[in-house]
Amino acid sequence: MVALALGLALGASTLAQEGRASEVVDLPEPAMDGGMPLMEALSQRQSQRSFADREIEDEVLASLLWAGFGINRPEEGERTAPSWRGSKETDIYVARADGVWLYDAEANTLTRHIEDDLREMTGRQPFPADAPVVLIYVADRTRMPEAPAEQQYLYAHVDTAYVSQNVYLFAASEGLATVVLGNVDKEALAEAMALGENQILTFTQPVGYPGQAGD
């Protein structure tokens, strides 16, 4: 009942996808103006591992996801971060208390992927579970078929790094805390997320408001 009420509150709809109902949430339009000047954001960029007990508002989340890998040139369908030969192979999954959601940059929506709260699996240390949002970066190898298999892993991680740096700069601009994590049991997390053999889980990135020292 709680999940249903939350879905209704967010204006979620249901649609048939792969034989089951998928919950889709429309995100607010990302803010394209304001924010901190680039050089100041670079001076403030840092990794933080303590998060306050405060949710990230939908308006902030929408802008965060757009900054990371949203569409900045709609007429061309191009993104805020580069990718290998324009493959756009990186998907952003959003882990929250209400499950794991897949970000659709074109539709500006979140689609429920898993109902379980998997935040504690997104890092080997305990703090990711405290973050209201953990971004899980997953590359789809089928979108870069021209790359040799061993290079697909390299390109996937490099492209994720571009996206995660965008998130770092947005976090600095908005007073959010974040850190990129590679020390993750990726096999266990990929299994929990029911990822396919052509999907590469690269990094995770908890995001939230900064916690107090000692939290």
N, C-alpha and C. Protein backbone atom coordinates (compact mmCIF):
# COMPACT_ATOMS: atom_id res chain seq x y z
N MET A 1 0.82 -1.20 0.00
CA MET A 1 0.00 0.00 0.00
C MET A 1 0.86 1.27 0.00
N VAL A 2 1.99 1.21 0.75
CA VAL A 2 2.87 2.38 0.80
C VAL A 2 3.44 2.68 -0.57
N ALA A 3 3.91 1.62 -1.27
CA ALA A 3 4.49 1.82 -2.60
C ALA A 3 3.45 2.34 -3.58
N LEU A 4 2.21 1.82 -3.46
CA LEU A 4 1.15 2.27 -4.34
C LEU A 4 0.82 3.73 -4.09
N ALA A 5 0.75 4.11 -2.83
CA ALA A 5 0.44 5.50 -2.49
C ALA A 5 1.52 6.44 -2.99
N LEU A 6 2.78 5.99 -2.86
CA LEU A 6 3.89 6.82 -3.34
C LEU A 6 3.79 6.99 -4.85
N GLY A 7 3.49 5.89 -5.54
CA GLY A 7 3.38 5.98 -6.99
C GLY A 7 2.30 6.93 -7.42
N LEU A 8 1.15 6.90 -6.74
CA LEU A 8 0.06 7.81 -7.08
C LEU A 8 0.45 9.25 -6.78
N ALA A 9 1.16 9.44 -5.68
CA ALA A 9 1.56 10.79 -5.31
C ALA A 9 2.52 11.38 -6.33
N LEU A 10 3.34 10.52 -6.93
CA LEU A 10 4.29 10.99 -7.92
C LEU A 10 3.69 11.08 -9.31
N GLY A 11 2.41 10.74 -9.43
CA GLY A 11 1.78 10.80 -10.73
C GLY A 11 2.21 9.67 -11.63
N ALA A 12 2.48 8.48 -11.04
CA ALA A 12 2.96 7.34 -11.82
C ALA A 12 1.84 6.74 -12.63
N SER A 13 2.22 6.14 -13.74
CA SER A 13 1.28 5.39 -14.55
C SER A 13 1.84 3.99 -14.75
N THR A 14 1.02 3.08 -15.24
CA THR A 14 1.49 1.72 -15.48
C THR A 14 1.32 1.39 -16.94
N LEU A 15 2.24 0.59 -17.43
CA LEU A 15 2.16 0.15 -18.81
C LEU A 15 2.70 -1.26 -18.90
N ALA A 16 2.31 -1.97 -19.97
CA ALA A 16 2.77 -3.35 -20.13
C ALA A 16 4.16 -3.33 -20.75
N GLN A 17 5.07 -4.06 -20.14
CA GLN A 17 6.44 -4.14 -20.67
C GLN A 17 6.97 -5.53 -20.34
N GLU A 18 7.29 -6.27 -21.36
CA GLU A 18 7.83 -7.61 -21.20
C GLU A 18 6.90 -8.47 -20.36
N GLY A 19 5.61 -8.32 -20.61
CA GLY A 19 4.65 -9.19 -19.97
C GLY A 19 4.28 -8.82 -18.55
N ARG A 20 4.77 -7.70 -18.04
CA ARG A 20 4.40 -7.30 -16.68
C ARG A 20 4.19 -5.80 -16.64
N ALA A 21 3.54 -5.34 -15.58
CA ALA A 21 3.27 -3.91 -15.45
C ALA A 21 4.51 -3.19 -14.95
N SER A 22 4.87 -2.09 -15.58
CA SER A 22 6.00 -1.28 -15.17
C SER A 22 5.51 0.09 -14.75
N GLU A 23 5.99 0.54 -13.62
CA GLU A 23 5.58 1.84 -13.09
C GLU A 23 6.49 2.91 -13.67
N VAL A 24 5.89 3.94 -14.25
CA VAL A 24 6.63 5.01 -14.88
C VAL A 24 6.30 6.32 -14.19
N VAL A 25 7.34 7.07 -13.83
CA VAL A 25 7.17 8.35 -13.15
C VAL A 25 7.71 9.46 -14.05
N ASP A 26 6.90 10.45 -14.33
CA ASP A 26 7.35 11.63 -15.07
C ASP A 26 8.15 12.54 -14.15
N LEU A 27 9.35 12.90 -14.59
CA LEU A 27 10.18 13.81 -13.82
C LEU A 27 9.86 15.26 -14.18
N PRO A 28 10.07 16.19 -13.25
CA PRO A 28 9.94 17.61 -13.61
C PRO A 28 10.97 17.99 -14.66
N GLU A 29 10.72 19.06 -15.37
CA GLU A 29 11.70 19.53 -16.34
C GLU A 29 12.98 19.97 -15.62
N PRO A 30 14.14 19.55 -16.11
CA PRO A 30 15.38 19.96 -15.46
C PRO A 30 15.61 21.45 -15.61
N ALA A 31 16.22 22.04 -14.59
CA ALA A 31 16.53 23.46 -14.63
C ALA A 31 17.75 23.69 -15.51
N MET A 32 17.59 24.53 -16.51
CA MET A 32 18.67 24.77 -17.47
C MET A 32 19.44 26.07 -17.18
N ASP A 33 19.02 26.78 -16.15
CA ASP A 33 19.71 28.03 -15.84
C ASP A 33 20.08 28.03 -14.36
N GLY A 34 20.77 29.07 -13.94
CA GLY A 34 21.17 29.17 -12.55
C GLY A 34 22.37 28.28 -12.26
N GLY A 35 22.56 28.00 -10.99
CA GLY A 35 23.69 27.17 -10.60
C GLY A 35 24.96 27.98 -10.42
N MET A 36 26.00 27.29 -10.06
CA MET A 36 27.29 27.90 -9.74
C MET A 36 28.14 28.03 -11.01
N PRO A 37 28.91 29.10 -11.15
CA PRO A 37 29.84 29.20 -12.29
C PRO A 37 30.79 28.00 -12.32
N LEU A 38 31.17 27.60 -13.52
CA LEU A 38 31.96 26.39 -13.70
C LEU A 38 33.24 26.39 -12.86
N MET A 39 34.00 27.46 -12.89
CA MET A 39 35.27 27.48 -12.18
C MET A 39 35.06 27.37 -10.67
N GLU A 40 33.99 27.96 -10.19
CA GLU A 40 33.69 27.84 -8.76
C GLU A 40 33.27 26.42 -8.42
N ALA A 41 32.47 25.80 -9.30
CA ALA A 41 32.07 24.41 -9.07
C ALA A 41 33.28 23.49 -9.05
N LEU A 42 34.23 23.73 -9.96
CA LEU A 42 35.46 22.92 -9.97
C LEU A 42 36.23 23.10 -8.66
N SER A 43 36.24 24.31 -8.15
CA SER A 43 36.97 24.55 -6.89
C SER A 43 36.29 23.89 -5.70
N GLN A 44 34.99 23.63 -5.81
CA GLN A 44 34.22 23.02 -4.71
C GLN A 44 34.08 21.50 -4.86
N ARG A 45 34.45 20.96 -6.02
CA ARG A 45 34.25 19.53 -6.26
C ARG A 45 35.05 18.68 -5.27
N GLN A 46 34.38 17.71 -4.66
CA GLN A 46 35.05 16.84 -3.69
C GLN A 46 34.24 15.56 -3.52
N SER A 47 34.87 14.54 -2.92
CA SER A 47 34.18 13.31 -2.57
C SER A 47 33.77 13.37 -1.10
N GLN A 48 32.51 13.06 -0.84
CA GLN A 48 31.98 13.06 0.52
C GLN A 48 31.24 11.76 0.77
N ARG A 49 31.40 11.23 1.97
CA ARG A 49 30.86 9.92 2.29
C ARG A 49 29.90 9.92 3.47
N SER A 50 29.39 11.08 3.81
CA SER A 50 28.43 11.20 4.90
C SER A 50 27.20 11.92 4.37
N PHE A 51 26.02 11.35 4.65
CA PHE A 51 24.79 11.87 4.07
C PHE A 51 23.76 12.14 5.15
N ALA A 52 23.08 13.26 5.01
CA ALA A 52 22.02 13.63 5.94
C ALA A 52 20.77 12.80 5.68
N ASP A 53 19.94 12.70 6.70
CA ASP A 53 18.66 12.00 6.58
C ASP A 53 17.65 12.94 5.94
N ARG A 54 17.81 13.14 4.65
CA ARG A 54 16.97 14.07 3.89
C ARG A 54 16.84 13.58 2.46
N GLU A 55 15.63 13.54 1.96
CA GLU A 55 15.41 13.09 0.60
C GLU A 55 15.84 14.15 -0.42
N ILE A 56 16.15 13.71 -1.60
CA ILE A 56 16.42 14.63 -2.71
C ILE A 56 15.11 14.90 -3.43
N GLU A 57 14.77 16.18 -3.55
CA GLU A 57 13.51 16.56 -4.19
C GLU A 57 13.52 16.15 -5.67
N ASP A 58 12.33 15.87 -6.20
CA ASP A 58 12.23 15.43 -7.60
C ASP A 58 12.81 16.46 -8.56
N GLU A 59 12.63 17.74 -8.25
CA GLU A 59 13.16 18.79 -9.13
C GLU A 59 14.68 18.73 -9.18
N VAL A 60 15.30 18.47 -8.03
CA VAL A 60 16.76 18.37 -7.97
C VAL A 60 17.22 17.09 -8.66
N LEU A 61 16.51 16.00 -8.43
CA LEU A 61 16.86 14.73 -9.06
C LEU A 61 16.80 14.83 -10.58
N ALA A 62 15.77 15.48 -11.09
CA ALA A 62 15.63 15.63 -12.55
C ALA A 62 16.82 16.39 -13.13
N SER A 63 17.22 17.46 -12.46
CA SER A 63 18.36 18.25 -12.95
C SER A 63 19.67 17.49 -12.79
N LEU A 64 19.79 16.72 -11.71
CA LEU A 64 20.98 15.90 -11.48
C LEU A 64 21.16 14.89 -12.60
N LEU A 65 20.09 14.19 -12.95
CA LEU A 65 20.17 13.17 -14.00
C LEU A 65 20.44 13.80 -15.36
N TRP A 66 19.82 14.96 -15.60
CA TRP A 66 20.07 15.65 -16.87
C TRP A 66 21.53 16.09 -16.95
N ALA A 67 22.06 16.65 -15.86
CA ALA A 67 23.46 17.07 -15.85
C ALA A 67 24.37 15.88 -16.12
N GLY A 68 24.03 14.73 -15.55
CA GLY A 68 24.87 13.55 -15.73
C GLY A 68 24.92 13.05 -17.16
N PHE A 69 23.74 12.78 -17.73
CA PHE A 69 23.72 12.22 -19.08
C PHE A 69 22.41 12.51 -19.79
N GLY A 70 21.92 13.73 -19.60
CA GLY A 70 20.69 14.12 -20.25
C GLY A 70 20.93 14.62 -21.67
N ILE A 71 19.86 14.94 -22.34
CA ILE A 71 19.93 15.42 -23.72
C ILE A 71 20.04 16.93 -23.71
N ASN A 72 21.16 17.45 -24.21
CA ASN A 72 21.38 18.90 -24.22
C ASN A 72 21.20 19.52 -25.61
N ARG A 73 21.06 18.68 -26.63
CA ARG A 73 20.81 19.14 -28.00
C ARG A 73 19.68 18.30 -28.58
N PRO A 74 18.44 18.65 -28.23
CA PRO A 74 17.30 17.81 -28.60
C PRO A 74 17.18 17.54 -30.09
N GLU A 75 17.54 18.52 -30.91
CA GLU A 75 17.40 18.33 -32.35
C GLU A 75 18.33 17.24 -32.88
N GLU A 76 19.40 16.96 -32.14
CA GLU A 76 20.35 15.93 -32.56
C GLU A 76 20.32 14.71 -31.63
N GLY A 77 19.62 14.83 -30.51
CA GLY A 77 19.59 13.74 -29.54
C GLY A 77 20.90 13.53 -28.82
N GLU A 78 21.73 14.56 -28.75
CA GLU A 78 23.05 14.42 -28.13
C GLU A 78 23.00 14.74 -26.64
N ARG A 79 24.03 14.30 -25.94
CA ARG A 79 24.02 14.27 -24.48
C ARG A 79 25.00 15.25 -23.85
N THR A 80 24.89 15.37 -22.53
CA THR A 80 25.77 16.25 -21.76
C THR A 80 27.15 15.65 -21.53
N ALA A 81 27.32 14.37 -21.83
CA ALA A 81 28.63 13.71 -21.70
C ALA A 81 28.92 12.94 -22.98
N PRO A 82 30.19 12.86 -23.37
CA PRO A 82 30.54 12.12 -24.58
C PRO A 82 30.49 10.61 -24.35
N SER A 83 30.49 9.87 -25.44
CA SER A 83 30.55 8.41 -25.36
C SER A 83 31.27 7.88 -26.59
N TRP A 84 31.73 6.66 -26.53
CA TRP A 84 32.53 6.07 -27.61
C TRP A 84 31.74 6.06 -28.91
N ARG A 85 32.23 6.80 -29.90
CA ARG A 85 31.60 6.89 -31.21
C ARG A 85 30.10 7.22 -31.11
N GLY A 86 29.75 7.99 -30.10
CA GLY A 86 28.36 8.38 -29.93
C GLY A 86 27.43 7.22 -29.59
N SER A 87 27.97 6.17 -29.00
CA SER A 87 27.18 4.96 -28.75
C SER A 87 26.13 5.15 -27.65
N LYS A 88 26.38 6.10 -26.73
CA LYS A 88 25.43 6.35 -25.63
C LYS A 88 25.06 5.05 -24.92
N GLU A 89 26.07 4.26 -24.65
CA GLU A 89 25.82 2.92 -24.10
C GLU A 89 25.53 2.92 -22.60
N THR A 90 25.75 4.02 -21.93
CA THR A 90 25.58 4.07 -20.48
C THR A 90 24.14 4.33 -20.09
N ASP A 91 23.60 3.50 -19.22
CA ASP A 91 22.29 3.71 -18.61
C ASP A 91 22.50 4.07 -17.15
N ILE A 92 21.64 4.94 -16.64
CA ILE A 92 21.68 5.30 -15.23
C ILE A 92 20.48 4.69 -14.52
N TYR A 93 20.78 3.81 -13.56
CA TYR A 93 19.75 3.27 -12.69
C TYR A 93 19.80 4.04 -11.37
N VAL A 94 18.64 4.34 -10.83
CA VAL A 94 18.53 5.16 -9.62
C VAL A 94 18.02 4.29 -8.49
N ALA A 95 18.89 3.99 -7.54
CA ALA A 95 18.51 3.17 -6.39
C ALA A 95 18.03 4.08 -5.26
N ARG A 96 16.82 3.80 -4.78
CA ARG A 96 16.23 4.56 -3.67
C ARG A 96 15.57 3.59 -2.71
N ALA A 97 14.98 4.12 -1.66
CA ALA A 97 14.29 3.27 -0.69
C ALA A 97 13.11 2.55 -1.33
N ASP A 98 12.52 3.15 -2.37
CA ASP A 98 11.35 2.56 -3.02
C ASP A 98 11.70 1.70 -4.22
N GLY A 99 12.96 1.29 -4.35
CA GLY A 99 13.35 0.40 -5.42
C GLY A 99 14.41 0.98 -6.32
N VAL A 100 14.64 0.32 -7.44
CA VAL A 100 15.62 0.76 -8.44
C VAL A 100 14.86 1.16 -9.69
N TRP A 101 15.20 2.34 -10.20
CA TRP A 101 14.50 2.93 -11.34
C TRP A 101 15.48 3.19 -12.47
N LEU A 102 15.02 3.08 -13.71
CA LEU A 102 15.84 3.34 -14.89
C LEU A 102 15.48 4.70 -15.46
N TYR A 103 16.51 5.54 -15.62
CA TYR A 103 16.32 6.89 -16.17
C TYR A 103 16.24 6.83 -17.68
N ASP A 104 15.21 7.43 -18.24
CA ASP A 104 15.03 7.57 -19.68
C ASP A 104 15.24 9.04 -20.02
N ALA A 105 16.39 9.35 -20.63
CA ALA A 105 16.73 10.74 -20.91
C ALA A 105 15.79 11.36 -21.93
N GLU A 106 15.38 10.57 -22.92
CA GLU A 106 14.52 11.11 -23.98
C GLU A 106 13.14 11.46 -23.44
N ALA A 107 12.58 10.59 -22.64
CA ALA A 107 11.23 10.81 -22.11
C ALA A 107 11.24 11.61 -20.81
N ASN A 108 12.42 11.77 -20.20
CA ASN A 108 12.55 12.42 -18.90
C ASN A 108 11.66 11.73 -17.86
N THR A 109 11.85 10.41 -17.77
CA THR A 109 11.05 9.60 -16.85
C THR A 109 11.94 8.64 -16.08
N LEU A 110 11.37 8.07 -15.02
CA LEU A 110 11.95 6.94 -14.32
C LEU A 110 11.00 5.76 -14.46
N THR A 111 11.53 4.60 -14.81
CA THR A 111 10.73 3.39 -14.90
C THR A 111 11.22 2.41 -13.83
N ARG A 112 10.29 1.91 -13.04
CA ARG A 112 10.69 0.99 -11.98
C ARG A 112 11.31 -0.27 -12.59
N HIS A 113 12.49 -0.62 -12.09
CA HIS A 113 13.19 -1.81 -12.57
C HIS A 113 13.11 -2.94 -11.54
N ILE A 114 13.36 -2.61 -10.29
CA ILE A 114 13.32 -3.56 -9.18
C ILE A 114 12.62 -2.89 -8.00
N GLU A 115 11.75 -3.60 -7.31
CA GLU A 115 11.05 -3.01 -6.17
C GLU A 115 11.89 -2.98 -4.90
N ASP A 116 12.94 -3.79 -4.84
CA ASP A 116 13.74 -3.89 -3.62
C ASP A 116 14.68 -2.70 -3.45
N ASP A 117 14.96 -2.36 -2.21
CA ASP A 117 15.94 -1.34 -1.87
C ASP A 117 17.32 -2.00 -1.90
N LEU A 118 18.13 -1.67 -2.88
CA LEU A 118 19.44 -2.30 -3.05
C LEU A 118 20.60 -1.38 -2.68
N ARG A 119 20.31 -0.27 -2.03
CA ARG A 119 21.37 0.70 -1.76
C ARG A 119 22.53 0.11 -0.96
N GLU A 120 22.23 -0.78 -0.03
CA GLU A 120 23.31 -1.33 0.78
C GLU A 120 24.24 -2.25 -0.02
N MET A 121 23.81 -2.65 -1.22
CA MET A 121 24.64 -3.49 -2.08
C MET A 121 25.51 -2.67 -3.03
N THR A 122 25.36 -1.34 -3.02
CA THR A 122 26.06 -0.50 -4.00
C THR A 122 27.46 -0.11 -3.56
N GLY A 123 27.94 -0.64 -2.45
CA GLY A 123 29.30 -0.41 -1.99
C GLY A 123 29.61 -1.38 -0.87
N ARG A 124 30.88 -1.63 -0.66
CA ARG A 124 31.27 -2.57 0.39
C ARG A 124 31.33 -1.91 1.77
N GLN A 125 31.25 -0.58 1.81
CA GLN A 125 31.19 0.14 3.08
C GLN A 125 29.74 0.46 3.40
N PRO A 126 29.41 0.80 4.65
CA PRO A 126 28.00 0.98 5.02
C PRO A 126 27.36 2.28 4.54
N PHE A 127 28.15 3.32 4.23
CA PHE A 127 27.56 4.63 3.99
C PHE A 127 26.67 4.74 2.76
N PRO A 128 26.84 3.95 1.68
CA PRO A 128 25.92 4.10 0.56
C PRO A 128 24.45 3.88 0.93
N ALA A 129 24.20 3.04 1.91
CA ALA A 129 22.83 2.78 2.33
C ALA A 129 22.19 4.00 2.97
N ASP A 130 23.02 4.97 3.42
CA ASP A 130 22.49 6.19 4.03
C ASP A 130 22.11 7.24 3.01
N ALA A 131 22.61 7.11 1.80
CA ALA A 131 22.32 8.10 0.76
C ALA A 131 20.90 7.91 0.25
N PRO A 132 20.16 9.00 0.05
CA PRO A 132 18.79 8.86 -0.48
C PRO A 132 18.75 8.34 -1.90
N VAL A 133 19.83 8.58 -2.65
CA VAL A 133 19.91 8.17 -4.04
C VAL A 133 21.30 7.58 -4.30
N VAL A 134 21.33 6.44 -4.97
CA VAL A 134 22.60 5.91 -5.46
C VAL A 134 22.44 5.66 -6.95
N LEU A 135 23.27 6.32 -7.75
CA LEU A 135 23.27 6.10 -9.19
C LEU A 135 24.09 4.86 -9.49
N ILE A 136 23.52 3.96 -10.28
CA ILE A 136 24.21 2.74 -10.68
C ILE A 136 24.40 2.82 -12.19
N TYR A 137 25.65 2.82 -12.62
CA TYR A 137 25.96 3.00 -14.04
C TYR A 137 26.14 1.63 -14.71
N VAL A 138 25.38 1.42 -15.76
CA VAL A 138 25.39 0.14 -16.47
C VAL A 138 25.54 0.41 -17.96
N ALA A 139 26.53 -0.22 -18.58
CA ALA A 139 26.76 -0.06 -20.01
C ALA A 139 26.17 -1.24 -20.77
N ASP A 140 25.55 -0.94 -21.89
CA ASP A 140 24.97 -1.96 -22.76
C ASP A 140 25.93 -2.22 -23.91
N ARG A 141 26.56 -3.39 -23.91
CA ARG A 141 27.57 -3.71 -24.91
C ARG A 141 26.99 -3.79 -26.32
N THR A 142 25.70 -4.07 -26.44
CA THR A 142 25.10 -4.20 -27.78
C THR A 142 25.07 -2.87 -28.52
N ARG A 143 25.28 -1.75 -27.81
CA ARG A 143 25.28 -0.44 -28.46
C ARG A 143 26.66 -0.06 -29.02
N MET A 144 27.67 -0.89 -28.77
CA MET A 144 28.98 -0.63 -29.34
C MET A 144 29.54 -1.90 -29.97
N PRO A 145 28.82 -2.46 -30.94
CA PRO A 145 29.23 -3.74 -31.54
C PRO A 145 30.52 -3.67 -32.32
N GLU A 146 30.93 -2.47 -32.76
CA GLU A 146 32.14 -2.34 -33.56
C GLU A 146 33.41 -2.41 -32.70
N ALA A 147 33.26 -2.28 -31.40
CA ALA A 147 34.42 -2.33 -30.51
C ALA A 147 34.73 -3.78 -30.14
N PRO A 148 36.00 -4.18 -30.14
CA PRO A 148 36.36 -5.51 -29.66
C PRO A 148 35.88 -5.70 -28.22
N ALA A 149 35.55 -6.92 -27.86
CA ALA A 149 34.95 -7.20 -26.56
C ALA A 149 35.77 -6.65 -25.40
N GLU A 150 37.12 -6.85 -25.47
CA GLU A 150 37.94 -6.40 -24.36
C GLU A 150 37.97 -4.88 -24.25
N GLN A 151 37.80 -4.19 -25.38
CA GLN A 151 37.79 -2.73 -25.35
C GLN A 151 36.44 -2.18 -24.92
N GLN A 152 35.39 -2.95 -25.06
CA GLN A 152 34.08 -2.50 -24.61
C GLN A 152 34.10 -2.19 -23.11
N TYR A 153 34.81 -3.00 -22.35
CA TYR A 153 34.90 -2.77 -20.90
C TYR A 153 35.65 -1.47 -20.61
N LEU A 154 36.72 -1.22 -21.36
CA LEU A 154 37.47 0.02 -21.17
C LEU A 154 36.61 1.22 -21.51
N TYR A 155 35.99 1.21 -22.67
CA TYR A 155 35.18 2.35 -23.09
C TYR A 155 34.00 2.57 -22.14
N ALA A 156 33.41 1.48 -21.67
CA ALA A 156 32.28 1.60 -20.75
C ALA A 156 32.69 2.34 -19.47
N HIS A 157 33.85 2.00 -18.95
CA HIS A 157 34.30 2.66 -17.71
C HIS A 157 34.72 4.10 -17.96
N VAL A 158 35.38 4.35 -19.09
CA VAL A 158 35.77 5.73 -19.42
C VAL A 158 34.52 6.61 -19.59
N ASP A 159 33.54 6.11 -20.32
CA ASP A 159 32.32 6.90 -20.55
C ASP A 159 31.57 7.16 -19.25
N THR A 160 31.55 6.17 -18.36
CA THR A 160 30.93 6.39 -17.06
C THR A 160 31.65 7.48 -16.29
N ALA A 161 32.96 7.54 -16.43
CA ALA A 161 33.73 8.56 -15.72
C ALA A 161 33.31 9.96 -16.16
N TYR A 162 33.03 10.14 -17.46
CA TYR A 162 32.55 11.44 -17.92
C TYR A 162 31.23 11.80 -17.24
N VAL A 163 30.32 10.84 -17.20
CA VAL A 163 29.00 11.08 -16.60
C VAL A 163 29.13 11.39 -15.11
N SER A 164 29.94 10.61 -14.42
CA SER A 164 30.08 10.80 -12.98
C SER A 164 30.72 12.14 -12.64
N GLN A 165 31.62 12.63 -13.51
CA GLN A 165 32.20 13.96 -13.25
C GLN A 165 31.14 15.05 -13.42
N ASN A 166 30.26 14.89 -14.40
CA ASN A 166 29.15 15.84 -14.51
C ASN A 166 28.32 15.86 -13.23
N VAL A 167 28.09 14.68 -12.67
CA VAL A 167 27.33 14.60 -11.42
C VAL A 167 28.09 15.26 -10.28
N TYR A 168 29.40 15.05 -10.24
CA TYR A 168 30.23 15.72 -9.23
C TYR A 168 30.07 17.24 -9.31
N LEU A 169 30.14 17.79 -10.50
CA LEU A 169 30.06 19.24 -10.66
C LEU A 169 28.67 19.75 -10.31
N PHE A 170 27.63 19.01 -10.70
CA PHE A 170 26.29 19.41 -10.31
C PHE A 170 26.15 19.39 -8.78
N ALA A 171 26.69 18.34 -8.16
CA ALA A 171 26.61 18.24 -6.71
C ALA A 171 27.31 19.42 -6.04
N ALA A 172 28.48 19.79 -6.55
CA ALA A 172 29.19 20.93 -6.00
C ALA A 172 28.36 22.20 -6.14
N SER A 173 27.71 22.36 -7.30
CA SER A 173 26.92 23.56 -7.55
C SER A 173 25.70 23.63 -6.65
N GLU A 174 25.11 22.47 -6.33
CA GLU A 174 23.85 22.44 -5.58
C GLU A 174 24.03 22.14 -4.09
N GLY A 175 25.27 22.03 -3.63
CA GLY A 175 25.50 21.75 -2.22
C GLY A 175 25.18 20.32 -1.82
N LEU A 176 25.36 19.38 -2.75
CA LEU A 176 25.11 17.97 -2.48
C LEU A 176 26.43 17.25 -2.22
N ALA A 177 26.33 16.11 -1.57
CA ALA A 177 27.50 15.26 -1.32
C ALA A 177 27.44 14.06 -2.26
N THR A 178 28.60 13.64 -2.75
CA THR A 178 28.65 12.48 -3.64
C THR A 178 30.05 11.89 -3.65
N VAL A 179 30.15 10.65 -4.11
CA VAL A 179 31.43 9.98 -4.29
C VAL A 179 31.21 8.83 -5.27
N VAL A 180 32.20 8.60 -6.14
CA VAL A 180 32.13 7.48 -7.07
C VAL A 180 32.76 6.25 -6.41
N LEU A 181 32.11 5.10 -6.57
CA LEU A 181 32.57 3.88 -5.93
C LEU A 181 32.86 2.80 -6.96
N GLY A 182 34.05 2.23 -6.85
CA GLY A 182 34.40 1.07 -7.66
C GLY A 182 34.50 -0.19 -6.81
N ASN A 183 34.61 0.00 -5.49
CA ASN A 183 34.73 -1.13 -4.56
C ASN A 183 33.32 -1.66 -4.25
N VAL A 184 32.79 -2.39 -5.22
CA VAL A 184 31.41 -2.89 -5.18
C VAL A 184 31.44 -4.36 -5.54
N ASP A 185 30.62 -5.16 -4.89
CA ASP A 185 30.44 -6.55 -5.32
C ASP A 185 29.55 -6.51 -6.56
N LYS A 186 30.17 -6.28 -7.70
CA LYS A 186 29.41 -6.04 -8.92
C LYS A 186 28.64 -7.27 -9.37
N GLU A 187 29.21 -8.43 -9.16
CA GLU A 187 28.52 -9.65 -9.56
C GLU A 187 27.23 -9.82 -8.78
N ALA A 188 27.29 -9.60 -7.46
CA ALA A 188 26.10 -9.75 -6.63
C ALA A 188 25.06 -8.69 -6.97
N LEU A 189 25.51 -7.46 -7.17
CA LEU A 189 24.58 -6.37 -7.48
C LEU A 189 23.94 -6.59 -8.85
N ALA A 190 24.73 -7.01 -9.83
CA ALA A 190 24.19 -7.28 -11.16
C ALA A 190 23.15 -8.40 -11.10
N GLU A 191 23.40 -9.40 -10.28
CA GLU A 191 22.44 -10.50 -10.14
C GLU A 191 21.16 -10.01 -9.48
N ALA A 192 21.31 -9.18 -8.44
CA ALA A 192 20.13 -8.65 -7.76
C ALA A 192 19.30 -7.77 -8.67
N MET A 193 19.97 -7.11 -9.62
CA MET A 193 19.28 -6.24 -10.57
C MET A 193 18.80 -6.99 -11.81
N ALA A 194 19.11 -8.28 -11.88
CA ALA A 194 18.72 -9.11 -13.02
C ALA A 194 19.26 -8.54 -14.33
N LEU A 195 20.52 -8.11 -14.30
CA LEU A 195 21.15 -7.59 -15.51
C LEU A 195 21.48 -8.73 -16.47
N GLY A 196 21.55 -8.42 -17.76
CA GLY A 196 21.86 -9.41 -18.77
C GLY A 196 23.34 -9.56 -19.00
N GLU A 197 23.72 -10.57 -19.77
CA GLU A 197 25.13 -10.85 -20.01
C GLU A 197 25.80 -9.77 -20.85
N ASN A 198 25.04 -8.97 -21.57
CA ASN A 198 25.61 -7.89 -22.38
C ASN A 198 25.65 -6.56 -21.64
N GLN A 199 25.35 -6.57 -20.35
CA GLN A 199 25.37 -5.35 -19.55
C GLN A 199 26.58 -5.36 -18.62
N ILE A 200 27.27 -4.24 -18.57
CA ILE A 200 28.47 -4.08 -17.74
C ILE A 200 28.18 -3.08 -16.63
N LEU A 201 28.21 -3.52 -15.40
CA LEU A 201 28.04 -2.63 -14.26
C LEU A 201 29.41 -2.01 -13.97
N THR A 202 29.53 -0.70 -14.13
CA THR A 202 30.84 -0.05 -14.05
C THR A 202 31.10 0.54 -12.66
N PHE A 203 30.33 1.54 -12.27
CA PHE A 203 30.53 2.21 -10.99
C PHE A 203 29.17 2.51 -10.36
N THR A 204 29.22 2.88 -9.09
CA THR A 204 28.04 3.42 -8.42
C THR A 204 28.40 4.79 -7.86
N GLN A 205 27.39 5.61 -7.57
CA GLN A 205 27.64 6.98 -7.10
C GLN A 205 26.53 7.42 -6.15
N PRO A 206 26.74 7.27 -4.84
CA PRO A 206 25.75 7.78 -3.88
C PRO A 206 25.66 9.31 -3.96
N VAL A 207 24.46 9.85 -3.80
CA VAL A 207 24.25 11.30 -3.82
C VAL A 207 23.24 11.64 -2.73
N GLY A 208 23.51 12.72 -2.02
CA GLY A 208 22.57 13.20 -1.00
C GLY A 208 23.04 14.54 -0.46
N TYR A 209 22.30 15.03 0.53
CA TYR A 209 22.75 16.23 1.22
C TYR A 209 23.81 15.86 2.23
N PRO A 210 24.81 16.72 2.44
CA PRO A 210 25.93 16.36 3.33
C PRO A 210 25.46 16.10 4.76
N GLY A 211 26.04 15.07 5.36
CA GLY A 211 25.79 14.78 6.76
C GLY A 211 26.71 15.58 7.65
N GLN A 212 26.41 15.57 8.92
CA GLN A 212 27.27 16.25 9.88
C GLN A 212 28.47 15.36 10.19
N ALA A 213 29.55 15.99 10.62
CA ALA A 213 30.75 15.23 10.99
C ALA A 213 30.38 14.22 12.07
N GLY A 214 30.79 12.99 11.84
CA GLY A 214 30.50 11.95 12.82
C GLY A 214 29.22 11.19 12.53
N ASP A 215 28.43 11.64 11.54
CA ASP A 215 27.21 10.91 11.19
C ASP A 215 27.54 9.53 10.62
